[in-house]
PDB file of N, CA and C in Angstrom:
ATOM      1  N   MET A   1       0.837  -1.182   0.000  1.00  0.00           N
ATOM      2  CA  MET A   1       0.000   0.000   0.000  1.00  0.00           C
ATOM      3  C   MET A   1       0.876   1.236   0.000  1.00  0.00           C
ATOM      4  N   TYR A   2       0.397   2.231  -0.711  1.00  0.00           N
ATOM      5  CA  TYR A   2       1.128   3.482  -0.817  1.00  0.00           C
ATOM      6  C   TYR A   2       0.163   4.642  -0.677  1.00  0.00           C
ATOM      7  N   ALA A   3       0.667   5.759  -0.157  1.00  0.00           N
ATOM      8  CA  ALA A   3      -0.131   6.980  -0.074  1.00  0.00           C
ATOM      9  C   ALA A   3       0.758   8.136  -0.474  1.00  0.00           C
ATOM     10  N   LEU A   4       0.239   8.980  -1.335  1.00  0.00           N
ATOM     11  CA  LEU A   4       0.989  10.170  -1.712  1.00  0.00           C
ATOM     12  C   LEU A   4       0.068  11.361  -1.808  1.00  0.00           C
ATOM     13  N   GLN A   5       0.674  12.523  -1.815  1.00  0.00           N
ATOM     14  CA  GLN A   5      -0.050  13.781  -1.874  1.00  0.00           C
ATOM     15  C   GLN A   5      -0.932  13.803  -3.123  1.00  0.00           C
ATOM     16  N   ASP A   6      -2.162  14.236  -2.967  1.00  0.00           N
ATOM     17  CA  ASP A   6      -3.117  14.268  -4.068  1.00  0.00           C
ATOM     18  C   ASP A   6      -3.032  15.595  -4.819  1.00  0.00           C
ATOM     19  N   LEU A   7      -1.811  15.963  -5.189  1.00  0.00           N
ATOM     20  CA  LEU A   7      -1.616  17.228  -5.889  1.00  0.00           C
ATOM     21  C   LEU A   7      -0.387  17.123  -6.779  1.00  0.00           C
ATOM     22  N   CYS A   8      -0.583  17.218  -8.067  1.00  0.00           N
ATOM     23  CA  CYS A   8       0.531  17.150  -9.014  1.00  0.00           C
ATOM     24  C   CYS A   8       1.499  18.303  -8.762  1.00  0.00           C
ATOM     25  N   SER A   9       2.777  18.007  -8.723  1.00  0.00           N
ATOM     26  CA  SER A   9       3.789  19.051  -8.478  1.00  0.00           C
ATOM     27  C   SER A   9       3.990  19.947  -9.690  1.00  0.00           C
ATOM     28  N   HIS A  10       3.485  19.560 -10.826  1.00  0.00           N
ATOM     29  CA  HIS A  10       3.613  20.379 -12.034  1.00  0.00           C
ATOM     30  C   HIS A  10       2.452  21.351 -12.196  1.00  0.00           C
ATOM     31  N   ALA A  11       1.224  20.860 -12.054  1.00  0.00           N
ATOM     32  CA  ALA A  11       0.077  21.698 -12.383  1.00  0.00           C
ATOM     33  C   ALA A  11      -0.904  21.911 -11.240  1.00  0.00           C
ATOM     34  N   ALA A  12      -0.594  21.384 -10.056  1.00  0.00           N
ATOM     35  CA  ALA A  12      -1.440  21.563  -8.876  1.00  0.00           C
ATOM     36  C   ALA A  12      -2.876  21.104  -9.109  1.00  0.00           C
ATOM     37  N   VAL A  13      -3.038  19.942  -9.761  1.00  0.00           N
ATOM     38  CA  VAL A  13      -4.354  19.333  -9.930  1.00  0.00           C
ATOM     39  C   VAL A  13      -4.364  17.983  -9.216  1.00  0.00           C
ATOM     40  N   SER A  14      -5.544  17.462  -8.967  1.00  0.00           N
ATOM     41  CA  SER A  14      -5.698  16.225  -8.219  1.00  0.00           C
ATOM     42  C   SER A  14      -5.137  15.019  -8.961  1.00  0.00           C
ATOM     43  N   LEU A  15      -4.221  14.303  -8.311  1.00  0.00           N
ATOM     44  CA  LEU A  15      -3.673  13.083  -8.897  1.00  0.00           C
ATOM     45  C   LEU A  15      -4.653  11.920  -8.785  1.00  0.00           C
ATOM     46  N   SER A  16      -5.582  11.977  -7.846  1.00  0.00           N
ATOM     47  CA  SER A  16      -6.509  10.864  -7.652  1.00  0.00           C
ATOM     48  C   SER A  16      -7.444  10.670  -8.842  1.00  0.00           C
ATOM     49  N   GLU A  17      -7.474  11.618  -9.748  1.00  0.00           N
ATOM     50  CA  GLU A  17      -8.283  11.493 -10.964  1.00  0.00           C
ATOM     51  C   GLU A  17      -7.532  10.723 -12.053  1.00  0.00           C
ATOM     52  N   GLY A  18      -6.253  10.432 -11.823  1.00  0.00           N
ATOM     53  CA  GLY A  18      -5.417   9.796 -12.839  1.00  0.00           C
ATOM     54  C   GLY A  18      -5.463   8.285 -12.828  1.00  0.00           C
ATOM     55  N   GLU A  19      -4.855   7.709 -13.841  1.00  0.00           N
ATOM     56  CA  GLU A  19      -4.758   6.255 -13.992  1.00  0.00           C
ATOM     57  C   GLU A  19      -3.566   5.718 -13.205  1.00  0.00           C
ATOM     58  N   VAL A  20      -3.718   4.519 -12.634  1.00  0.00           N
ATOM     59  CA  VAL A  20      -2.637   3.853 -11.919  1.00  0.00           C
ATOM     60  C   VAL A  20      -2.254   2.595 -12.683  1.00  0.00           C
ATOM     61  N   ALA A  21      -0.954   2.449 -12.962  1.00  0.00           N
ATOM     62  CA  ALA A  21      -0.430   1.254 -13.628  1.00  0.00           C
ATOM     63  C   ALA A  21       1.055   1.147 -13.336  1.00  0.00           C
ATOM     64  N   ASP A  22       1.554  -0.073 -13.207  1.00  0.00           N
ATOM     65  CA  ASP A  22       2.985  -0.314 -13.009  1.00  0.00           C
ATOM     66  C   ASP A  22       3.575   0.499 -11.861  1.00  0.00           C
ATOM     67  N   CYS A  23       2.844   0.591 -10.748  1.00  0.00           N
ATOM     68  CA  CYS A  23       3.282   1.302  -9.543  1.00  0.00           C
ATOM     69  C   CYS A  23       3.520   2.798  -9.794  1.00  0.00           C
ATOM     70  N   GLN A  24       2.766   3.352 -10.741  1.00  0.00           N
ATOM     71  CA  GLN A  24       2.833   4.778 -11.045  1.00  0.00           C
ATOM     72  C   GLN A  24       1.419   5.327 -11.164  1.00  0.00           C
ATOM     73  N   ILE A  25       1.280   6.614 -10.855  1.00  0.00           N
ATOM     74  CA  ILE A  25       0.021   7.300 -11.109  1.00  0.00           C
ATOM     75  C   ILE A  25       0.279   8.393 -12.131  1.00  0.00           C
ATOM     76  N   GLU A  26      -0.641   8.527 -13.066  1.00  0.00           N
ATOM     77  CA  GLU A  26      -0.489   9.512 -14.131  1.00  0.00           C
ATOM     78  C   GLU A  26      -1.420  10.690 -13.878  1.00  0.00           C
ATOM     79  N   CYS A  27      -0.895  11.893 -13.950  1.00  0.00           N
ATOM     80  CA  CYS A  27      -1.698  13.098 -13.834  1.00  0.00           C
ATOM     81  C   CYS A  27      -2.570  13.213 -15.079  1.00  0.00           C
ATOM     82  N   TRP A  28      -3.843  13.393 -14.873  1.00  0.00           N
ATOM     83  CA  TRP A  28      -4.799  13.429 -15.982  1.00  0.00           C
ATOM     84  C   TRP A  28      -4.646  14.667 -16.859  1.00  0.00           C
ATOM     85  N   LEU A  29      -4.048  15.720 -16.342  1.00  0.00           N
ATOM     86  CA  LEU A  29      -4.003  16.978 -17.098  1.00  0.00           C
ATOM     87  C   LEU A  29      -2.899  17.012 -18.153  1.00  0.00           C
ATOM     88  N   HIS A  30      -1.659  16.739 -17.756  1.00  0.00           N
ATOM     89  CA  HIS A  30      -0.541  16.832 -18.694  1.00  0.00           C
ATOM     90  C   HIS A  30       0.240  15.535 -18.856  1.00  0.00           C
ATOM     91  N   GLY A  31      -0.159  14.472 -18.162  1.00  0.00           N
ATOM     92  CA  GLY A  31       0.485  13.181 -18.351  1.00  0.00           C
ATOM     93  C   GLY A  31       1.719  12.911 -17.520  1.00  0.00           C
ATOM     94  N   SER A  32       2.046  13.788 -16.582  1.00  0.00           N
ATOM     95  CA  SER A  32       3.172  13.489 -15.688  1.00  0.00           C
ATOM     96  C   SER A  32       2.861  12.210 -14.937  1.00  0.00           C
ATOM     97  N   ARG A  33       3.882  11.421 -14.665  1.00  0.00           N
ATOM     98  CA  ARG A  33       3.708  10.197 -13.877  1.00  0.00           C
ATOM     99  C   ARG A  33       4.600  10.274 -12.643  1.00  0.00           C
ATOM    100  N   PHE A  34       4.109   9.647 -11.555  1.00  0.00           N
ATOM    101  CA  PHE A  34       4.834   9.633 -10.296  1.00  0.00           C
ATOM    102  C   PHE A  34       4.897   8.212  -9.775  1.00  0.00           C
ATOM    103  N   ASP A  35       6.072   7.817  -9.275  1.00  0.00           N
ATOM    104  CA  ASP A  35       6.256   6.507  -8.665  1.00  0.00           C
ATOM    105  C   ASP A  35       5.509   6.497  -7.336  1.00  0.00           C
ATOM    106  N   LEU A  36       4.607   5.552  -7.139  1.00  0.00           N
ATOM    107  CA  LEU A  36       3.828   5.482  -5.904  1.00  0.00           C
ATOM    108  C   LEU A  36       4.690   5.208  -4.681  1.00  0.00           C
ATOM    109  N   ARG A  37       5.832   4.546  -4.871  1.00  0.00           N
ATOM    110  CA  ARG A  37       6.701   4.190  -3.743  1.00  0.00           C
ATOM    111  C   ARG A  37       7.544   5.364  -3.261  1.00  0.00           C
ATOM    112  N   THR A  38       7.969   6.229  -4.191  1.00  0.00           N
ATOM    113  CA  THR A  38       8.916   7.288  -3.848  1.00  0.00           C
ATOM    114  C   THR A  38       8.364   8.693  -4.029  1.00  0.00           C
ATOM    115  N   GLY A  39       7.305   8.840  -4.814  1.00  0.00           N
ATOM    116  CA  GLY A  39       6.765  10.158  -5.127  1.00  0.00           C
ATOM    117  C   GLY A  39       7.516  10.884  -6.227  1.00  0.00           C
ATOM    118  N   LYS A  40       8.610  10.284  -6.713  1.00  0.00           N
ATOM    119  CA  LYS A  40       9.419  10.940  -7.743  1.00  0.00           C
ATOM    120  C   LYS A  40       8.729  10.886  -9.098  1.00  0.00           C
ATOM    121  N   PRO A  41       8.872  11.978  -9.882  1.00  0.00           N
ATOM    122  CA  PRO A  41       8.305  11.957 -11.225  1.00  0.00           C
ATOM    123  C   PRO A  41       9.082  10.982 -12.108  1.00  0.00           C
ATOM    124  N   THR A  42       8.366  10.283 -12.973  1.00  0.00           N
ATOM    125  CA  THR A  42       9.025   9.335 -13.869  1.00  0.00           C
ATOM    126  C   THR A  42       8.974   9.804 -15.318  1.00  0.00           C
ATOM    127  N   ASN A  43       8.303  10.923 -15.573  1.00  0.00           N
ATOM    128  CA  ASN A  43       8.353  11.558 -16.889  1.00  0.00           C
ATOM    129  C   ASN A  43       7.908  13.011 -16.787  1.00  0.00           C
ATOM    130  N   PHE A  44       8.182  13.758 -17.815  1.00  0.00           N
ATOM    131  CA  PHE A  44       7.843  15.186 -17.870  1.00  0.00           C
ATOM    132  C   PHE A  44       6.357  15.357 -18.151  1.00  0.00           C
ATOM    133  N   PRO A  45       5.800  16.514 -17.852  1.00  0.00           N
ATOM    134  CA  PRO A  45       6.487  17.751 -17.532  1.00  0.00           C
ATOM    135  C   PRO A  45       6.860  17.928 -16.061  1.00  0.00           C
ATOM    136  N   ALA A  46       6.402  17.076 -15.153  1.00  0.00           N
ATOM    137  CA  ALA A  46       6.770  17.230 -13.742  1.00  0.00           C
ATOM    138  C   ALA A  46       8.255  16.954 -13.535  1.00  0.00           C
ATOM    139  N   THR A  47       8.878  17.743 -12.673  1.00  0.00           N
ATOM    140  CA  THR A  47      10.292  17.556 -12.349  1.00  0.00           C
ATOM    141  C   THR A  47      10.522  17.438 -10.844  1.00  0.00           C
ATOM    142  N   GLU A  48       9.485  17.706 -10.035  1.00  0.00           N
ATOM    143  CA  GLU A  48       9.615  17.638  -8.586  1.00  0.00           C
ATOM    144  C   GLU A  48       8.719  16.535  -8.019  1.00  0.00           C
ATOM    145  N   ALA A  49       9.202  15.887  -6.971  1.00  0.00           N
ATOM    146  CA  ALA A  49       8.459  14.798  -6.331  1.00  0.00           C
ATOM    147  C   ALA A  49       7.255  15.331  -5.566  1.00  0.00           C
ATOM    148  N   VAL A  50       6.317  14.444  -5.307  1.00  0.00           N
ATOM    149  CA  VAL A  50       5.198  14.736  -4.417  1.00  0.00           C
ATOM    150  C   VAL A  50       5.435  13.965  -3.117  1.00  0.00           C
ATOM    151  N   ALA A  51       4.844  14.439  -2.045  1.00  0.00           N
ATOM    152  CA  ALA A  51       5.038  13.818  -0.733  1.00  0.00           C
ATOM    153  C   ALA A  51       4.443  12.410  -0.689  1.00  0.00           C
ATOM    154  N   THR A  52       5.152  11.504  -0.027  1.00  0.00           N
ATOM    155  CA  THR A  52       4.645  10.157   0.246  1.00  0.00           C
ATOM    156  C   THR A  52       4.500   9.998   1.755  1.00  0.00           C
ATOM    157  N   PHE A  53       3.518   9.211   2.168  1.00  0.00           N
ATOM    158  CA  PHE A  53       3.182   9.095   3.584  1.00  0.00           C
ATOM    159  C   PHE A  53       3.209   7.648   4.058  1.00  0.00           C
ATOM    160  N   PRO A  54       3.549   7.431   5.333  1.00  0.00           N
ATOM    161  CA  PRO A  54       3.511   6.080   5.901  1.00  0.00           C
ATOM    162  C   PRO A  54       2.076   5.548   5.935  1.00  0.00           C
ATOM    163  N   VAL A  55       1.921   4.272   5.612  1.00  0.00           N
ATOM    164  CA  VAL A  55       0.620   3.615   5.591  1.00  0.00           C
ATOM    165  C   VAL A  55       0.695   2.367   6.460  1.00  0.00           C
ATOM    166  N   GLU A  56      -0.386   2.126   7.199  1.00  0.00           N
ATOM    167  CA  GLU A  56      -0.443   0.949   8.059  1.00  0.00           C
ATOM    168  C   GLU A  56      -1.834   0.321   7.960  1.00  0.00           C
ATOM    169  N   LEU A  57      -1.866  -0.992   7.894  1.00  0.00           N
ATOM    170  CA  LEU A  57      -3.125  -1.729   7.894  1.00  0.00           C
ATOM    171  C   LEU A  57      -3.324  -2.307   9.289  1.00  0.00           C
ATOM    172  N   ARG A  58      -4.434  -1.902   9.959  1.00  0.00           N
ATOM    173  CA  ARG A  58      -4.747  -2.377  11.307  1.00  0.00           C
ATOM    174  C   ARG A  58      -6.175  -2.897  11.351  1.00  0.00           C
ATOM    175  N   ASP A  59      -6.329  -4.166  11.629  1.00  0.00           N
ATOM    176  CA  ASP A  59      -7.663  -4.768  11.750  1.00  0.00           C
ATOM    177  C   ASP A  59      -8.538  -4.475  10.535  1.00  0.00           C
ATOM    178  N   GLY A  60      -7.936  -4.505   9.357  1.00  0.00           N
ATOM    179  CA  GLY A  60      -8.687  -4.288   8.128  1.00  0.00           C
ATOM    180  C   GLY A  60      -8.899  -2.838   7.752  1.00  0.00           C
ATOM    181  N   ASP A  61      -8.432  -1.912   8.567  1.00  0.00           N
ATOM    182  CA  ASP A  61      -8.552  -0.489   8.276  1.00  0.00           C
ATOM    183  C   ASP A  61      -7.206   0.064   7.837  1.00  0.00           C
ATOM    184  N   VAL A  62      -7.228   1.012   6.919  1.00  0.00           N
ATOM    185  CA  VAL A  62      -6.011   1.635   6.415  1.00  0.00           C
ATOM    186  C   VAL A  62      -5.811   2.970   7.124  1.00  0.00           C
ATOM    187  N   TYR A  63      -4.623   3.144   7.688  1.00  0.00           N
ATOM    188  CA  TYR A  63      -4.266   4.387   8.366  1.00  0.00           C
ATOM    189  C   TYR A  63      -3.109   5.052   7.622  1.00  0.00           C
ATOM    190  N   VAL A  64      -3.254   6.342   7.355  1.00  0.00           N
ATOM    191  CA  VAL A  64      -2.214   7.120   6.690  1.00  0.00           C
ATOM    192  C   VAL A  64      -1.753   8.205   7.649  1.00  0.00           C
ATOM    193  N   ASP A  65      -0.458   8.255   7.900  1.00  0.00           N
ATOM    194  CA  ASP A  65       0.124   9.272   8.777  1.00  0.00           C
ATOM    195  C   ASP A  65       0.462  10.501   7.936  1.00  0.00           C
ATOM    196  N   VAL A  66      -0.446  11.467   7.910  1.00  0.00           N
ATOM    197  CA  VAL A  66      -0.223  12.663   7.089  1.00  0.00           C
ATOM    198  C   VAL A  66       0.620  13.720   7.805  1.00  0.00           C
ATOM    199  N   GLU A  67       1.029  13.429   9.032  1.00  0.00           N
ATOM    200  CA  GLU A  67       1.871  14.358   9.788  1.00  0.00           C
ATOM    201  C   GLU A  67       3.354  14.205   9.451  1.00  0.00           C
ATOM    202  N   SER A  68       3.732  13.064   8.839  1.00  0.00           N
ATOM    203  CA  SER A  68       5.126  12.866   8.478  1.00  0.00           C
ATOM    204  C   SER A  68       5.193  12.313   7.067  1.00  0.00           C
ATOM    205  N   THR A  69       6.314  12.550   6.401  1.00  0.00           N
ATOM    206  CA  THR A  69       6.490  12.044   5.051  1.00  0.00           C
ATOM    207  C   THR A  69       7.649  11.061   5.013  1.00  0.00           C
ATOM    208  N   LEU A  70       7.601  10.159   4.055  1.00  0.00           N
ATOM    209  CA  LEU A  70       8.657   9.181   3.914  1.00  0.00           C
ATOM    210  C   LEU A  70       9.815   9.703   3.077  1.00  0.00           C
ATOM    211  N   ASN A  71       9.537  10.621   2.186  1.00  0.00           N
ATOM    212  CA  ASN A  71      10.563  11.076   1.253  1.00  0.00           C
ATOM    213  C   ASN A  71      11.070  12.492   1.522  1.00  0.00           C
ATOM    214  N   GLY A  72      10.627  13.103   2.618  1.00  0.00           N
ATOM    215  CA  GLY A  72      11.133  14.423   2.995  1.00  0.00           C
ATOM    216  C   GLY A  72      10.525  15.581   2.232  1.00  0.00           C
ATOM    217  N   VAL A  73       9.584  15.322   1.336  1.00  0.00           N
ATOM    218  CA  VAL A  73       8.925  16.394   0.589  1.00  0.00           C
ATOM    219  C   VAL A  73       7.832  16.986   1.458  1.00  0.00           C
ATOM    220  N   THR A  74       7.802  18.298   1.581  1.00  0.00           N
ATOM    221  CA  THR A  74       6.768  18.978   2.348  1.00  0.00           C
ATOM    222  C   THR A  74       5.518  19.100   1.505  1.00  0.00           C
ATOM    223  N   PRO A  75       4.381  18.603   2.009  1.00  0.00           N
ATOM    224  CA  PRO A  75       3.141  18.708   1.236  1.00  0.00           C
ATOM    225  C   PRO A  75       2.765  20.160   0.979  1.00  0.00           C
ATOM    226  N   ALA A  76       2.232  20.407  -0.199  1.00  0.00           N
ATOM    227  CA  ALA A  76       1.818  21.778  -0.547  1.00  0.00           C
ATOM    228  C   ALA A  76       0.523  22.136   0.138  1.00  0.00           C
TER     229      ALA A  76
END
């Protein structure tokens, strides 16, 4: 499981509207892709990573720690 900031670092639009494939999410607006594990962009036009967050599964519920990031990127 992975959690990342729902905001493209290139165009400031929601990433949750994009397609997910091969452990990447694609921004629906300009096609930037981000690695779900690291938040790093894997193609242009984005050049900056998005924040990734710790995720934990407890008793069937998913918990995301939005107070800290795994990759050191400060959420916008």
